[in-house]
Amino acid sequence: MLSRSSAGFTAVRRSVDLVPLCLGAFEGRVRLAKVKGVMVRMGATTPVVVQGDAAALRRALLNLVDNAVKYTPAGGSVVISLERTPDGAALVVEDTGIGIAA
């Protein structure tokens, strides 16, 4: 993606409903998390539509959820939530994993 952007490629920005994107990430990762002993659940979900590249947003969210599941020990949890903000949206993936060093 970086090489394409340096070559002048720009992503197509369209209206993207983030609720189905969140639900898809949730449904797609529940089984993987269950095998590992991690609970994935949906937190607060407010309907939000943004302008963006749906495929890129989906990839980014799946990457965040995959990493949250990967680095959360058995018995832990991952929560996906979506809120409307004054500037657009806050799509949040929280987990009880090891975290990121300062």
N, C-alpha and C. Protein backbone atom coordinates (compact mmCIF):
# COMPACT_ATOMS: atom_id res chain seq x y z
N MET A 1 0.84 -1.19 0.00
CA MET A 1 0.00 0.00 0.00
C MET A 1 0.88 1.25 0.00
N LEU A 2 1.97 1.20 0.78
CA LEU A 2 2.85 2.36 0.81
C LEU A 2 3.48 2.63 -0.55
N SER A 3 3.91 1.57 -1.23
CA SER A 3 4.53 1.77 -2.54
C SER A 3 3.52 2.29 -3.55
N ARG A 4 2.29 1.83 -3.44
CA ARG A 4 1.25 2.33 -4.35
C ARG A 4 0.94 3.79 -4.07
N SER A 5 0.94 4.19 -2.80
CA SER A 5 0.63 5.58 -2.48
C SER A 5 1.75 6.50 -2.95
N SER A 6 3.04 6.03 -2.90
CA SER A 6 4.13 6.86 -3.41
C SER A 6 4.08 6.98 -4.92
N ALA A 7 3.45 6.02 -5.58
CA ALA A 7 3.34 6.05 -7.03
C ALA A 7 2.13 6.85 -7.48
N GLY A 8 1.43 7.48 -6.55
CA GLY A 8 0.30 8.31 -6.92
C GLY A 8 -1.05 7.62 -6.81
N PHE A 9 -1.07 6.36 -6.41
CA PHE A 9 -2.34 5.63 -6.25
C PHE A 9 -3.08 6.19 -5.05
N THR A 10 -4.35 6.47 -5.23
CA THR A 10 -5.16 6.93 -4.10
C THR A 10 -6.33 5.97 -3.93
N ALA A 11 -6.64 5.68 -2.71
CA ALA A 11 -7.73 4.77 -2.40
C ALA A 11 -9.07 5.43 -2.72
N VAL A 12 -10.03 4.62 -3.08
CA VAL A 12 -11.37 5.12 -3.34
C VAL A 12 -12.07 5.32 -2.01
N ARG A 13 -12.51 6.52 -1.76
CA ARG A 13 -13.20 6.84 -0.50
C ARG A 13 -14.69 6.87 -0.77
N ARG A 14 -15.39 6.04 -0.02
CA ARG A 14 -16.84 5.97 -0.13
C ARG A 14 -17.43 5.94 1.27
N SER A 15 -18.74 6.05 1.36
CA SER A 15 -19.41 5.91 2.65
C SER A 15 -19.26 4.48 3.14
N VAL A 16 -18.80 4.34 4.38
CA VAL A 16 -18.60 3.02 4.97
C VAL A 16 -19.36 2.97 6.29
N ASP A 17 -20.30 2.03 6.38
CA ASP A 17 -21.02 1.80 7.62
C ASP A 17 -20.13 0.93 8.49
N LEU A 18 -19.70 1.45 9.63
CA LEU A 18 -18.74 0.74 10.47
C LEU A 18 -19.34 -0.39 11.31
N VAL A 19 -20.65 -0.38 11.53
CA VAL A 19 -21.26 -1.44 12.34
C VAL A 19 -21.07 -2.82 11.69
N PRO A 20 -21.42 -3.01 10.41
CA PRO A 20 -21.19 -4.33 9.80
C PRO A 20 -19.71 -4.71 9.78
N LEU A 21 -18.84 -3.73 9.65
CA LEU A 21 -17.40 -4.00 9.66
C LEU A 21 -16.99 -4.55 11.02
N CYS A 22 -17.48 -3.95 12.10
CA CYS A 22 -17.19 -4.43 13.46
C CYS A 22 -17.78 -5.82 13.70
N LEU A 23 -19.02 -6.02 13.29
CA LEU A 23 -19.66 -7.32 13.48
C LEU A 23 -18.93 -8.41 12.70
N GLY A 24 -18.47 -8.08 11.51
CA GLY A 24 -17.71 -9.05 10.71
C GLY A 24 -16.41 -9.44 11.38
N ALA A 25 -15.71 -8.46 11.95
CA ALA A 25 -14.45 -8.75 12.67
C ALA A 25 -14.75 -9.61 13.88
N PHE A 26 -15.81 -9.29 14.59
CA PHE A 26 -16.21 -10.06 15.77
C PHE A 26 -16.53 -11.50 15.39
N GLU A 27 -17.42 -11.68 14.44
CA GLU A 27 -17.85 -13.03 14.04
C GLU A 27 -16.70 -13.84 13.45
N GLY A 28 -15.82 -13.16 12.73
CA GLY A 28 -14.71 -13.86 12.09
C GLY A 28 -13.63 -14.31 13.05
N ARG A 29 -13.57 -13.71 14.24
CA ARG A 29 -12.47 -14.03 15.15
C ARG A 29 -12.92 -14.76 16.42
N VAL A 30 -14.21 -14.89 16.64
CA VAL A 30 -14.70 -15.56 17.85
C VAL A 30 -14.19 -16.99 17.94
N ARG A 31 -14.26 -17.73 16.85
CA ARG A 31 -13.84 -19.14 16.86
C ARG A 31 -12.35 -19.25 17.15
N LEU A 32 -11.55 -18.43 16.51
CA LEU A 32 -10.10 -18.44 16.75
C LEU A 32 -9.79 -18.15 18.22
N ALA A 33 -10.47 -17.16 18.77
CA ALA A 33 -10.25 -16.78 20.16
C ALA A 33 -10.70 -17.88 21.11
N LYS A 34 -11.83 -18.51 20.80
CA LYS A 34 -12.37 -19.56 21.67
C LYS A 34 -11.38 -20.72 21.80
N VAL A 35 -10.75 -21.09 20.69
CA VAL A 35 -9.76 -22.16 20.70
C VAL A 35 -8.61 -21.80 21.64
N LYS A 36 -8.27 -20.54 21.69
CA LYS A 36 -7.17 -20.07 22.54
C LYS A 36 -7.61 -19.80 23.97
N GLY A 37 -8.92 -19.83 24.24
CA GLY A 37 -9.42 -19.56 25.58
C GLY A 37 -9.60 -18.09 25.88
N VAL A 38 -9.74 -17.29 24.82
CA VAL A 38 -9.93 -15.85 24.96
C VAL A 38 -11.36 -15.51 24.55
N MET A 39 -12.02 -14.66 25.34
CA MET A 39 -13.38 -14.26 25.01
C MET A 39 -13.35 -12.98 24.18
N VAL A 40 -14.02 -12.99 23.03
CA VAL A 40 -14.18 -11.79 22.22
C VAL A 40 -15.64 -11.38 22.31
N ARG A 41 -15.87 -10.09 22.59
CA ARG A 41 -17.25 -9.62 22.67
C ARG A 41 -17.36 -8.22 22.09
N MET A 42 -18.59 -7.86 21.78
CA MET A 42 -18.89 -6.52 21.28
C MET A 42 -19.21 -5.63 22.47
N GLY A 43 -18.61 -4.47 22.52
CA GLY A 43 -18.94 -3.48 23.53
C GLY A 43 -20.03 -2.57 22.98
N ALA A 44 -20.06 -1.35 23.45
CA ALA A 44 -21.03 -0.37 22.96
C ALA A 44 -20.83 -0.17 21.46
N THR A 45 -21.92 -0.16 20.75
CA THR A 45 -21.84 0.00 19.30
C THR A 45 -22.87 1.03 18.85
N THR A 46 -22.36 2.20 18.46
CA THR A 46 -23.21 3.27 17.96
C THR A 46 -23.10 3.30 16.44
N PRO A 47 -24.21 3.34 15.73
CA PRO A 47 -24.13 3.41 14.27
C PRO A 47 -23.34 4.64 13.80
N VAL A 48 -22.34 4.40 12.96
CA VAL A 48 -21.51 5.48 12.42
C VAL A 48 -21.17 5.15 10.97
N VAL A 49 -21.31 6.15 10.11
CA VAL A 49 -20.91 6.04 8.71
C VAL A 49 -19.79 7.06 8.50
N VAL A 50 -18.68 6.61 7.89
CA VAL A 50 -17.55 7.49 7.62
C VAL A 50 -17.21 7.42 6.14
N GLN A 51 -16.39 8.34 5.69
CA GLN A 51 -15.86 8.29 4.33
C GLN A 51 -14.50 7.61 4.40
N GLY A 52 -14.32 6.55 3.62
CA GLY A 52 -13.04 5.86 3.66
C GLY A 52 -12.99 4.70 2.68
N ASP A 53 -11.93 3.95 2.77
CA ASP A 53 -11.70 2.76 1.95
C ASP A 53 -12.12 1.56 2.79
N ALA A 54 -13.26 0.97 2.46
CA ALA A 54 -13.82 -0.12 3.25
C ALA A 54 -12.85 -1.29 3.40
N ALA A 55 -12.17 -1.65 2.32
CA ALA A 55 -11.24 -2.79 2.38
C ALA A 55 -10.07 -2.49 3.31
N ALA A 56 -9.53 -1.28 3.24
CA ALA A 56 -8.40 -0.91 4.11
C ALA A 56 -8.84 -0.85 5.57
N LEU A 57 -10.02 -0.32 5.82
CA LEU A 57 -10.54 -0.27 7.19
C LEU A 57 -10.75 -1.68 7.74
N ARG A 58 -11.28 -2.58 6.92
CA ARG A 58 -11.50 -3.97 7.33
C ARG A 58 -10.17 -4.63 7.67
N ARG A 59 -9.16 -4.46 6.81
CA ARG A 59 -7.84 -5.05 7.06
C ARG A 59 -7.24 -4.52 8.37
N ALA A 60 -7.34 -3.22 8.58
CA ALA A 60 -6.78 -2.63 9.80
C ALA A 60 -7.48 -3.17 11.04
N LEU A 61 -8.80 -3.25 11.00
CA LEU A 61 -9.54 -3.75 12.16
C LEU A 61 -9.22 -5.22 12.41
N LEU A 62 -9.18 -6.04 11.37
CA LEU A 62 -8.86 -7.46 11.55
C LEU A 62 -7.46 -7.63 12.11
N ASN A 63 -6.53 -6.80 11.67
CA ASN A 63 -5.16 -6.86 12.20
C ASN A 63 -5.14 -6.53 13.69
N LEU A 64 -5.88 -5.50 14.09
CA LEU A 64 -5.96 -5.13 15.51
C LEU A 64 -6.57 -6.26 16.35
N VAL A 65 -7.66 -6.84 15.86
CA VAL A 65 -8.33 -7.91 16.61
C VAL A 65 -7.44 -9.16 16.65
N ASP A 66 -6.81 -9.50 15.53
CA ASP A 66 -5.91 -10.66 15.50
C ASP A 66 -4.78 -10.50 16.51
N ASN A 67 -4.18 -9.32 16.55
CA ASN A 67 -3.09 -9.07 17.50
C ASN A 67 -3.59 -9.11 18.94
N ALA A 68 -4.78 -8.56 19.17
CA ALA A 68 -5.34 -8.59 20.52
C ALA A 68 -5.54 -10.03 20.98
N VAL A 69 -6.08 -10.87 20.11
CA VAL A 69 -6.28 -12.29 20.46
C VAL A 69 -4.94 -12.98 20.65
N LYS A 70 -4.00 -12.72 19.76
CA LYS A 70 -2.69 -13.37 19.80
C LYS A 70 -1.95 -13.07 21.10
N TYR A 71 -2.02 -11.83 21.57
CA TYR A 71 -1.24 -11.42 22.73
C TYR A 71 -2.04 -11.38 24.04
N THR A 72 -3.24 -11.94 24.02
CA THR A 72 -4.03 -12.04 25.25
C THR A 72 -3.96 -13.48 25.74
N PRO A 73 -3.57 -13.69 26.98
CA PRO A 73 -3.48 -15.07 27.49
C PRO A 73 -4.86 -15.68 27.70
N ALA A 74 -4.88 -17.02 27.77
CA ALA A 74 -6.12 -17.75 28.03
C ALA A 74 -6.80 -17.17 29.27
N GLY A 75 -8.11 -17.07 29.20
CA GLY A 75 -8.88 -16.49 30.29
C GLY A 75 -9.08 -14.99 30.14
N GLY A 76 -8.38 -14.38 29.19
CA GLY A 76 -8.50 -12.94 28.96
C GLY A 76 -9.64 -12.61 28.02
N SER A 77 -9.75 -11.32 27.69
CA SER A 77 -10.85 -10.90 26.82
C SER A 77 -10.42 -9.80 25.85
N VAL A 78 -11.17 -9.73 24.76
CA VAL A 78 -11.00 -8.70 23.75
C VAL A 78 -12.38 -8.08 23.54
N VAL A 79 -12.45 -6.75 23.54
CA VAL A 79 -13.72 -6.05 23.36
C VAL A 79 -13.58 -5.10 22.17
N ILE A 80 -14.53 -5.21 21.23
CA ILE A 80 -14.59 -4.32 20.07
C ILE A 80 -15.74 -3.36 20.30
N SER A 81 -15.47 -2.06 20.23
CA SER A 81 -16.54 -1.09 20.40
C SER A 81 -16.45 0.01 19.35
N LEU A 82 -17.55 0.69 19.17
CA LEU A 82 -17.65 1.73 18.16
C LEU A 82 -18.47 2.88 18.71
N GLU A 83 -17.90 4.09 18.65
CA GLU A 83 -18.59 5.27 19.16
C GLU A 83 -18.51 6.40 18.15
N ARG A 84 -19.52 7.22 18.15
CA ARG A 84 -19.48 8.44 17.34
C ARG A 84 -18.70 9.48 18.15
N THR A 85 -17.84 10.24 17.46
CA THR A 85 -17.07 11.31 18.10
C THR A 85 -17.37 12.62 17.37
N PRO A 86 -16.99 13.76 17.93
CA PRO A 86 -17.22 15.03 17.23
C PRO A 86 -16.55 15.07 15.85
N ASP A 87 -15.43 14.35 15.70
CA ASP A 87 -14.71 14.35 14.43
C ASP A 87 -15.04 13.18 13.52
N GLY A 88 -15.85 12.24 13.97
CA GLY A 88 -16.18 11.07 13.14
C GLY A 88 -16.52 9.86 13.97
N ALA A 89 -15.53 8.99 14.16
CA ALA A 89 -15.78 7.73 14.87
C ALA A 89 -14.56 7.29 15.65
N ALA A 90 -14.81 6.51 16.70
CA ALA A 90 -13.74 5.87 17.47
C ALA A 90 -14.05 4.38 17.45
N LEU A 91 -13.25 3.64 16.72
CA LEU A 91 -13.36 2.19 16.66
C LEU A 91 -12.27 1.66 17.58
N VAL A 92 -12.66 1.02 18.67
CA VAL A 92 -11.71 0.67 19.74
C VAL A 92 -11.63 -0.84 19.91
N VAL A 93 -10.41 -1.36 20.00
CA VAL A 93 -10.16 -2.77 20.32
C VAL A 93 -9.38 -2.76 21.62
N GLU A 94 -10.01 -3.26 22.68
CA GLU A 94 -9.36 -3.33 23.99
C GLU A 94 -9.13 -4.79 24.34
N ASP A 95 -8.01 -5.06 25.02
CA ASP A 95 -7.75 -6.43 25.43
C ASP A 95 -7.06 -6.46 26.78
N THR A 96 -6.98 -7.65 27.34
CA THR A 96 -6.30 -7.84 28.62
C THR A 96 -4.95 -8.51 28.42
N GLY A 97 -4.36 -8.24 27.27
CA GLY A 97 -3.07 -8.83 26.92
C GLY A 97 -1.91 -8.12 27.55
N ILE A 98 -0.72 -8.40 27.01
CA ILE A 98 0.52 -7.91 27.59
C ILE A 98 0.77 -6.43 27.38
N GLY A 99 0.07 -5.82 26.45
CA GLY A 99 0.24 -4.38 26.20
C GLY A 99 1.47 -4.10 25.38
N ILE A 100 1.73 -2.82 25.20
CA ILE A 100 2.86 -2.35 24.40
C ILE A 100 3.77 -1.56 25.33
N ALA A 101 5.05 -1.86 25.28
CA ALA A 101 6.01 -1.14 26.14
C ALA A 101 6.01 0.34 25.84
N ALA A 102 6.20 1.14 26.90
CA ALA A 102 6.25 2.61 26.73
C ALA A 102 7.37 2.99 25.77
